[in-house]
């Protein structure tokens, strides 16, 4: 992991610390989890460029290609 510095309003930092104490964790972990959640929710969806290369004989694959690929692709591996 890499250390970084962020600036927070006093009230926000107090709320983070209170949540961490109540949850039995650290303020760092609360902030890390909040950032993960925010990024997952707001990450732009990429179009998977290799969709449609080849034939499966099933029309549903062409129609649902994005959904199928997203369900199988791992974000940690660059998708």
PDB file of N, CA and C in Angstrom:
ATOM      1  N   UNK A   1       0.843  -1.181   0.000  1.00  0.00           N
ATOM      2  CA  UNK A   1       0.000   0.000   0.000  1.00  0.00           C
ATOM      3  C   UNK A   1       0.883   1.238   0.000  1.00  0.00           C
ATOM      4  N   UNK A   2       0.297   2.320  -0.457  1.00  0.00           N
ATOM      5  CA  UNK A   2       0.999   3.596  -0.518  1.00  0.00           C
ATOM      6  C   UNK A   2       0.323   4.587   0.413  1.00  0.00           C
ATOM      7  N   UNK A   3       1.129   5.323   1.131  1.00  0.00           N
ATOM      8  CA  UNK A   3       0.611   6.336   2.039  1.00  0.00           C
ATOM      9  C   UNK A   3       0.321   7.608   1.245  1.00  0.00           C
ATOM     10  N   UNK A   4      -0.783   8.280   1.576  1.00  0.00           N
ATOM     11  CA  UNK A   4      -1.121   9.547   0.948  1.00  0.00           C
ATOM     12  C   UNK A   4      -1.737  10.468   1.998  1.00  0.00           C
ATOM     13  N   UNK A   5      -1.873  11.715   1.665  1.00  0.00           N
ATOM     14  CA  UNK A   5      -2.462  12.696   2.575  1.00  0.00           C
ATOM     15  C   UNK A   5      -3.705  13.270   1.928  1.00  0.00           C
ATOM     16  N   UNK A   6      -4.777  13.381   2.707  1.00  0.00           N
ATOM     17  CA  UNK A   6      -5.997  14.018   2.221  1.00  0.00           C
ATOM     18  C   UNK A   6      -6.418  15.094   3.217  1.00  0.00           C
ATOM     19  N   UNK A   7      -7.136  16.079   2.751  1.00  0.00           N
ATOM     20  CA  UNK A   7      -7.646  17.138   3.608  1.00  0.00           C
ATOM     21  C   UNK A   7      -9.136  16.926   3.800  1.00  0.00           C
ATOM     22  N   UNK A   8      -9.582  16.904   5.056  1.00  0.00           N
ATOM     23  CA  UNK A   8     -10.992  16.718   5.383  1.00  0.00           C
ATOM     24  C   UNK A   8     -11.460  17.845   6.291  1.00  0.00           C
ATOM     25  N   UNK A   9     -12.718  18.204   6.161  1.00  0.00           N
ATOM     26  CA  UNK A   9     -13.322  19.124   7.121  1.00  0.00           C
ATOM     27  C   UNK A   9     -13.302  18.462   8.490  1.00  0.00           C
ATOM     28  N   UNK A  10     -13.200  19.264   9.518  1.00  0.00           N
ATOM     29  CA  UNK A  10     -13.141  18.749  10.883  1.00  0.00           C
ATOM     30  C   UNK A  10     -14.330  17.835  11.178  1.00  0.00           C
ATOM     31  N   UNK A  11     -15.537  18.269  10.801  1.00  0.00           N
ATOM     32  CA  UNK A  11     -16.741  17.485  11.093  1.00  0.00           C
ATOM     33  C   UNK A  11     -16.739  16.138  10.368  1.00  0.00           C
ATOM     34  N   UNK A  12     -16.254  16.119   9.139  1.00  0.00           N
ATOM     35  CA  UNK A  12     -16.195  14.868   8.381  1.00  0.00           C
ATOM     36  C   UNK A  12     -15.200  13.905   9.021  1.00  0.00           C
ATOM     37  N   UNK A  13     -14.039  14.412   9.414  1.00  0.00           N
ATOM     38  CA  UNK A  13     -13.050  13.558  10.069  1.00  0.00           C
ATOM     39  C   UNK A  13     -13.589  13.013  11.384  1.00  0.00           C
ATOM     40  N   UNK A  14     -14.290  13.832  12.131  1.00  0.00           N
ATOM     41  CA  UNK A  14     -14.881  13.384  13.388  1.00  0.00           C
ATOM     42  C   UNK A  14     -15.882  12.255  13.140  1.00  0.00           C
ATOM     43  N   UNK A  15     -16.693  12.405  12.099  1.00  0.00           N
ATOM     44  CA  UNK A  15     -17.676  11.373  11.759  1.00  0.00           C
ATOM     45  C   UNK A  15     -16.993  10.070  11.334  1.00  0.00           C
ATOM     46  N   UNK A  16     -15.921  10.183  10.578  1.00  0.00           N
ATOM     47  CA  UNK A  16     -15.159   9.001  10.166  1.00  0.00           C
ATOM     48  C   UNK A  16     -14.600   8.282  11.389  1.00  0.00           C
ATOM     49  N   UNK A  17     -14.015   9.034  12.300  1.00  0.00           N
ATOM     50  CA  UNK A  17     -13.434   8.436  13.505  1.00  0.00           C
ATOM     51  C   UNK A  17     -14.497   7.780  14.377  1.00  0.00           C
ATOM     52  N   UNK A  18     -15.659   8.419  14.481  1.00  0.00           N
ATOM     53  CA  UNK A  18     -16.752   7.839  15.270  1.00  0.00           C
ATOM     54  C   UNK A  18     -17.238   6.537  14.641  1.00  0.00           C
ATOM     55  N   UNK A  19     -17.390   6.516  13.325  1.00  0.00           N
ATOM     56  CA  UNK A  19     -17.816   5.300  12.632  1.00  0.00           C
ATOM     57  C   UNK A  19     -16.778   4.188  12.802  1.00  0.00           C
ATOM     58  N   UNK A  20     -15.519   4.545  12.698  1.00  0.00           N
ATOM     59  CA  UNK A  20     -14.450   3.555  12.865  1.00  0.00           C
ATOM     60  C   UNK A  20     -14.486   2.965  14.273  1.00  0.00           C
ATOM     61  N   UNK A  21     -14.625   3.815  15.262  1.00  0.00           N
ATOM     62  CA  UNK A  21     -14.661   3.336  16.641  1.00  0.00           C
ATOM     63  C   UNK A  21     -15.862   2.419  16.856  1.00  0.00           C
ATOM     64  N   UNK A  22     -17.024   2.827  16.354  1.00  0.00           N
ATOM     65  CA  UNK A  22     -18.243   2.030  16.517  1.00  0.00           C
ATOM     66  C   UNK A  22     -18.159   0.696  15.776  1.00  0.00           C
ATOM     67  N   UNK A  23     -17.406   0.669  14.681  1.00  0.00           N
ATOM     68  CA  UNK A  23     -17.280  -0.544  13.869  1.00  0.00           C
ATOM     69  C   UNK A  23     -16.102  -1.410  14.286  1.00  0.00           C
ATOM     70  N   UNK A  24     -15.305  -0.922  15.206  1.00  0.00           N
ATOM     71  CA  UNK A  24     -14.142  -1.683  15.645  1.00  0.00           C
ATOM     72  C   UNK A  24     -13.044  -1.742  14.602  1.00  0.00           C
ATOM     73  N   UNK A  25     -12.900  -0.688  13.817  1.00  0.00           N
ATOM     74  CA  UNK A  25     -11.881  -0.639  12.780  1.00  0.00           C
ATOM     75  C   UNK A  25     -11.148   0.691  12.864  1.00  0.00           C
ATOM     76  N   UNK A  26     -10.376   1.011  11.857  1.00  0.00           N
ATOM     77  CA  UNK A  26      -9.613   2.260  11.850  1.00  0.00           C
ATOM     78  C   UNK A  26     -10.241   3.282  10.907  1.00  0.00           C
ATOM     79  N   UNK A  27      -9.902   4.539  11.131  1.00  0.00           N
ATOM     80  CA  UNK A  27     -10.358   5.603  10.230  1.00  0.00           C
ATOM     81  C   UNK A  27      -9.821   5.348   8.816  1.00  0.00           C
ATOM     82  N   UNK A  28      -8.592   4.863   8.734  1.00  0.00           N
ATOM     83  CA  UNK A  28      -7.993   4.543   7.435  1.00  0.00           C
ATOM     84  C   UNK A  28      -8.842   3.522   6.686  1.00  0.00           C
ATOM     85  N   UNK A  29      -9.294   2.489   7.380  1.00  0.00           N
ATOM     86  CA  UNK A  29     -10.099   1.458   6.732  1.00  0.00           C
ATOM     87  C   UNK A  29     -11.459   2.003   6.306  1.00  0.00           C
ATOM     88  N   UNK A  30     -12.071   2.845   7.113  1.00  0.00           N
ATOM     89  CA  UNK A  30     -13.358   3.453   6.748  1.00  0.00           C
ATOM     90  C   UNK A  30     -13.191   4.269   5.472  1.00  0.00           C
ATOM     91  N   UNK A  31     -12.146   5.078   5.402  1.00  0.00           N
ATOM     92  CA  UNK A  31     -11.904   5.916   4.223  1.00  0.00           C
ATOM     93  C   UNK A  31     -11.596   5.046   3.008  1.00  0.00           C
ATOM     94  N   UNK A  32     -10.781   4.004   3.179  1.00  0.00           N
ATOM     95  CA  UNK A  32     -10.426   3.094   2.077  1.00  0.00           C
ATOM     96  C   UNK A  32     -11.683   2.432   1.502  1.00  0.00           C
ATOM     97  N   UNK A  33     -12.536   1.914   2.388  1.00  0.00           N
ATOM     98  CA  UNK A  33     -13.765   1.254   1.934  1.00  0.00           C
ATOM     99  C   UNK A  33     -14.719   2.240   1.260  1.00  0.00           C
ATOM    100  N   UNK A  34     -14.790   3.458   1.777  1.00  0.00           N
ATOM    101  CA  UNK A  34     -15.648   4.482   1.166  1.00  0.00           C
ATOM    102  C   UNK A  34     -15.160   4.824  -0.240  1.00  0.00           C
ATOM    103  N   UNK A  35     -13.852   4.950  -0.406  1.00  0.00           N
ATOM    104  CA  UNK A  35     -13.291   5.237  -1.728  1.00  0.00           C
ATOM    105  C   UNK A  35     -13.519   4.085  -2.704  1.00  0.00           C
ATOM    106  N   UNK A  36     -13.329   2.858  -2.252  1.00  0.00           N
ATOM    107  CA  UNK A  36     -13.597   1.697  -3.114  1.00  0.00           C
ATOM    108  C   UNK A  36     -15.041   1.702  -3.597  1.00  0.00           C
ATOM    109  N   UNK A  37     -15.952   1.938  -2.657  1.00  0.00           N
ATOM    110  CA  UNK A  37     -17.374   1.951  -2.990  1.00  0.00           C
ATOM    111  C   UNK A  37     -17.690   3.067  -3.983  1.00  0.00           C
ATOM    112  N   UNK A  38     -17.150   4.246  -3.750  1.00  0.00           N
ATOM    113  CA  UNK A  38     -17.390   5.388  -4.635  1.00  0.00           C
ATOM    114  C   UNK A  38     -16.849   5.113  -6.035  1.00  0.00           C
ATOM    115  N   UNK A  39     -15.638   4.597  -6.116  1.00  0.00           N
ATOM    116  CA  UNK A  39     -15.035   4.330  -7.419  1.00  0.00           C
ATOM    117  C   UNK A  39     -15.778   3.245  -8.186  1.00  0.00           C
ATOM    118  N   UNK A  40     -16.196   2.209  -7.492  1.00  0.00           N
ATOM    119  CA  UNK A  40     -16.961   1.141  -8.146  1.00  0.00           C
ATOM    120  C   UNK A  40     -18.261   1.684  -8.726  1.00  0.00           C
ATOM    121  N   UNK A  41     -18.917   2.534  -7.978  1.00  0.00           N
ATOM    122  CA  UNK A  41     -20.195   3.105  -8.409  1.00  0.00           C
ATOM    123  C   UNK A  41     -20.025   4.092  -9.568  1.00  0.00           C
ATOM    124  N   UNK A  42     -18.920   4.815  -9.609  1.00  0.00           N
ATOM    125  CA  UNK A  42     -18.743   5.899 -10.580  1.00  0.00           C
ATOM    126  C   UNK A  42     -17.755   5.604 -11.693  1.00  0.00           C
ATOM    127  N   UNK A  43     -17.213   4.402 -11.738  1.00  0.00           N
ATOM    128  CA  UNK A  43     -16.246   4.041 -12.776  1.00  0.00           C
ATOM    129  C   UNK A  43     -16.966   3.966 -14.126  1.00  0.00           C
ATOM    130  N   UNK A  44     -16.435   4.640 -15.149  1.00  0.00           N
ATOM    131  CA  UNK A  44     -17.072   4.554 -16.472  1.00  0.00           C
ATOM    132  C   UNK A  44     -16.983   3.139 -17.023  1.00  0.00           C
ATOM    133  N   UNK A  45     -18.022   2.709 -17.674  1.00  0.00           N
ATOM    134  CA  UNK A  45     -18.059   1.380 -18.285  1.00  0.00           C
ATOM    135  C   UNK A  45     -17.292   1.395 -19.593  1.00  0.00           C
ATOM    136  N   UNK A  46     -16.378   0.445 -19.745  1.00  0.00           N
ATOM    137  CA  UNK A  46     -15.635   0.306 -20.990  1.00  0.00           C
ATOM    138  C   UNK A  46     -16.370  -0.621 -21.925  1.00  0.00           C
ATOM    139  N   UNK A  47     -16.306  -0.313 -23.188  1.00  0.00           N
ATOM    140  CA  UNK A  47     -16.788  -1.248 -24.203  1.00  0.00           C
ATOM    141  C   UNK A  47     -15.687  -2.251 -24.461  1.00  0.00           C
ATOM    142  N   UNK A  48     -16.028  -3.489 -24.503  1.00  0.00           N
ATOM    143  CA  UNK A  48     -15.040  -4.538 -24.730  1.00  0.00           C
ATOM    144  C   UNK A  48     -14.894  -4.735 -26.236  1.00  0.00           C
ATOM    145  N   UNK A  49     -13.773  -4.287 -26.783  1.00  0.00           N
ATOM    146  CA  UNK A  49     -13.587  -4.140 -28.225  1.00  0.00           C
ATOM    147  C   UNK A  49     -13.590  -5.437 -29.017  1.00  0.00           C
ATOM    148  N   UNK A  50     -13.329  -6.559 -28.398  1.00  0.00           N
ATOM    149  CA  UNK A  50     -13.259  -7.803 -29.155  1.00  0.00           C
ATOM    150  C   UNK A  50     -14.613  -8.491 -29.274  1.00  0.00           C
ATOM    151  N   UNK A  51     -15.668  -7.848 -28.833  1.00  0.00           N
ATOM    152  CA  UNK A  51     -17.012  -8.407 -28.936  1.00  0.00           C
ATOM    153  C   UNK A  51     -17.373  -8.629 -30.405  1.00  0.00           C
ATOM    154  N   UNK A  52     -17.896  -9.769 -30.698  1.00  0.00           N
ATOM    155  CA  UNK A  52     -18.367 -10.055 -32.051  1.00  0.00           C
ATOM    156  C   UNK A  52     -17.327 -10.714 -32.938  1.00  0.00           C
ATOM    157  N   UNK A  53     -16.155 -11.005 -32.414  1.00  0.00           N
ATOM    158  CA  UNK A  53     -15.126 -11.671 -33.207  1.00  0.00           C
ATOM    159  C   UNK A  53     -15.401 -13.170 -33.182  1.00  0.00           C
ATOM    160  N   UNK A  54     -15.952 -13.680 -34.240  1.00  0.00           N
ATOM    161  CA  UNK A  54     -16.268 -15.103 -34.305  1.00  0.00           C
ATOM    162  C   UNK A  54     -17.765 -15.349 -34.324  1.00  0.00           C
ATOM    163  N   UNK A  55     -18.145 -16.609 -34.444  1.00  0.00           N
ATOM    164  CA  UNK A  55     -19.565 -16.972 -34.507  1.00  0.00           C
ATOM    165  C   UNK A  55     -19.840 -18.098 -33.525  1.00  0.00           C
ATOM    166  N   UNK A  56     -20.912 -17.941 -32.782  1.00  0.00           N
ATOM    167  CA  UNK A  56     -21.297 -18.998 -31.849  1.00  0.00           C
ATOM    168  C   UNK A  56     -22.510 -19.764 -32.358  1.00  0.00           C
ATOM    169  N   UNK A  57     -23.225 -19.144 -33.332  1.00  0.00           N
ATOM    170  CA  UNK A  57     -24.448 -19.769 -33.827  1.00  0.00           C
ATOM    171  C   UNK A  57     -25.660 -19.415 -32.974  1.00  0.00           C
ATOM    172  N   UNK A  58     -25.445 -18.644 -31.917  1.00  0.00           N
ATOM    173  CA  UNK A  58     -26.560 -18.226 -31.047  1.00  0.00           C
ATOM    174  C   UNK A  58     -26.698 -16.717 -31.114  1.00  0.00           C
ATOM    175  N   UNK A  59     -27.878 -16.240 -31.458  1.00  0.00           N
ATOM    176  CA  UNK A  59     -28.100 -14.803 -31.560  1.00  0.00           C
ATOM    177  C   UNK A  59     -28.024 -14.105 -30.198  1.00  0.00           C
ATOM    178  N   UNK A  60     -28.366 -14.813 -29.141  1.00  0.00           N
ATOM    179  CA  UNK A  60     -28.370 -14.195 -27.817  1.00  0.00           C
ATOM    180  C   UNK A  60     -26.971 -13.743 -27.399  1.00  0.00           C
ATOM    181  N   UNK A  61     -25.943 -14.414 -27.893  1.00  0.00           N
ATOM    182  CA  UNK A  61     -24.574 -14.029 -27.545  1.00  0.00           C
ATOM    183  C   UNK A  61     -24.262 -12.652 -28.129  1.00  0.00           C
ATOM    184  N   UNK A  62     -24.611 -12.422 -29.366  1.00  0.00           N
ATOM    185  CA  UNK A  62     -24.369 -11.122 -29.983  1.00  0.00           C
ATOM    186  C   UNK A  62     -25.167 -10.032 -29.272  1.00  0.00           C
ATOM    187  N   UNK A  63     -26.405 -10.329 -28.969  1.00  0.00           N
ATOM    188  CA  UNK A  63     -27.275  -9.342 -28.319  1.00  0.00           C
ATOM    189  C   UNK A  63     -26.809  -9.039 -26.897  1.00  0.00           C
ATOM    190  N   UNK A  64     -26.364 -10.037 -26.165  1.00  0.00           N
ATOM    191  CA  UNK A  64     -26.017  -9.885 -24.755  1.00  0.00           C
ATOM    192  C   UNK A  64     -24.514  -9.912 -24.503  1.00  0.00           C
ATOM    193  N   UNK A  65     -23.714  -9.652 -25.523  1.00  0.00           N
ATOM    194  CA  UNK A  65     -22.260  -9.787 -25.405  1.00  0.00           C
ATOM    195  C   UNK A  65     -21.684  -8.961 -24.267  1.00  0.00           C
ATOM    196  N   UNK A  66     -22.059  -7.689 -24.164  1.00  0.00           N
ATOM    197  CA  UNK A  66     -21.517  -6.835 -23.104  1.00  0.00           C
ATOM    198  C   UNK A  66     -21.836  -7.415 -21.731  1.00  0.00           C
ATOM    199  N   UNK A  67     -23.068  -7.823 -21.531  1.00  0.00           N
ATOM    200  CA  UNK A  67     -23.480  -8.373 -20.239  1.00  0.00           C
ATOM    201  C   UNK A  67     -22.709  -9.653 -19.911  1.00  0.00           C
ATOM    202  N   UNK A  68     -22.575 -10.521 -20.890  1.00  0.00           N
ATOM    203  CA  UNK A  68     -21.861 -11.789 -20.692  1.00  0.00           C
ATOM    204  C   UNK A  68     -20.393 -11.524 -20.361  1.00  0.00           C
ATOM    205  N   UNK A  69     -19.746 -10.673 -21.126  1.00  0.00           N
ATOM    206  CA  UNK A  69     -18.333 -10.391 -20.900  1.00  0.00           C
ATOM    207  C   UNK A  69     -18.108  -9.714 -19.551  1.00  0.00           C
ATOM    208  N   UNK A  70     -18.968  -8.763 -19.182  1.00  0.00           N
ATOM    209  CA  UNK A  70     -18.810  -8.081 -17.894  1.00  0.00           C
ATOM    210  C   UNK A  70     -18.972  -9.042 -16.721  1.00  0.00           C
ATOM    211  N   UNK A  71     -19.843 -10.020 -16.874  1.00  0.00           N
ATOM    212  CA  UNK A  71     -20.039 -10.973 -15.779  1.00  0.00           C
ATOM    213  C   UNK A  71     -18.822 -11.891 -15.611  1.00  0.00           C
ATOM    214  N   UNK A  72     -18.047 -12.080 -16.659  1.00  0.00           N
ATOM    215  CA  UNK A  72     -16.894 -12.975 -16.619  1.00  0.00           C
ATOM    216  C   UNK A  72     -15.568 -12.234 -16.412  1.00  0.00           C
ATOM    217  N   UNK A  73     -15.502 -10.970 -16.814  1.00  0.00           N
ATOM    218  CA  UNK A  73     -14.248 -10.220 -16.734  1.00  0.00           C
ATOM    219  C   UNK A  73     -13.992  -9.750 -15.311  1.00  0.00           C
ATOM    220  N   UNK A  74     -12.736  -9.704 -14.937  1.00  0.00           N
ATOM    221  CA  UNK A  74     -12.338  -9.274 -13.601  1.00  0.00           C
ATOM    222  C   UNK A  74     -11.790  -7.861 -13.656  1.00  0.00           C
ATOM    223  N   UNK A  75     -12.331  -6.969 -12.808  1.00  0.00           N
ATOM    224  CA  UNK A  75     -11.828  -5.593 -12.760  1.00  0.00           C
ATOM    225  C   UNK A  75     -10.364  -5.554 -12.323  1.00  0.00           C
ATOM    226  N   UNK A  76      -9.956  -6.467 -11.466  1.00  0.00           N
ATOM    227  CA  UNK A  76      -8.577  -6.468 -10.972  1.00  0.00           C
ATOM    228  C   UNK A  76      -7.587  -6.816 -12.086  1.00  0.00           C
ATOM    229  N   UNK A  77      -8.067  -7.427 -13.162  1.00  0.00           N
ATOM    230  CA  UNK A  77      -7.190  -7.786 -14.257  1.00  0.00           C
ATOM    231  C   UNK A  77      -7.321  -6.803 -15.421  1.00  0.00           C
ATOM    232  N   UNK A  78      -7.883  -5.634 -15.156  1.00  0.00           N
ATOM    233  CA  UNK A  78      -7.923  -4.577 -16.167  1.00  0.00           C
ATOM    234  C   UNK A  78      -9.228  -4.423 -16.912  1.00  0.00           C
ATOM    235  N   UNK A  79     -10.247  -5.160 -16.550  1.00  0.00           N
ATOM    236  CA  UNK A  79     -11.534  -5.002 -17.223  1.00  0.00           C
ATOM    237  C   UNK A  79     -12.441  -4.292 -16.288  1.00  0.00           C
TER     238      UNK A  79
END
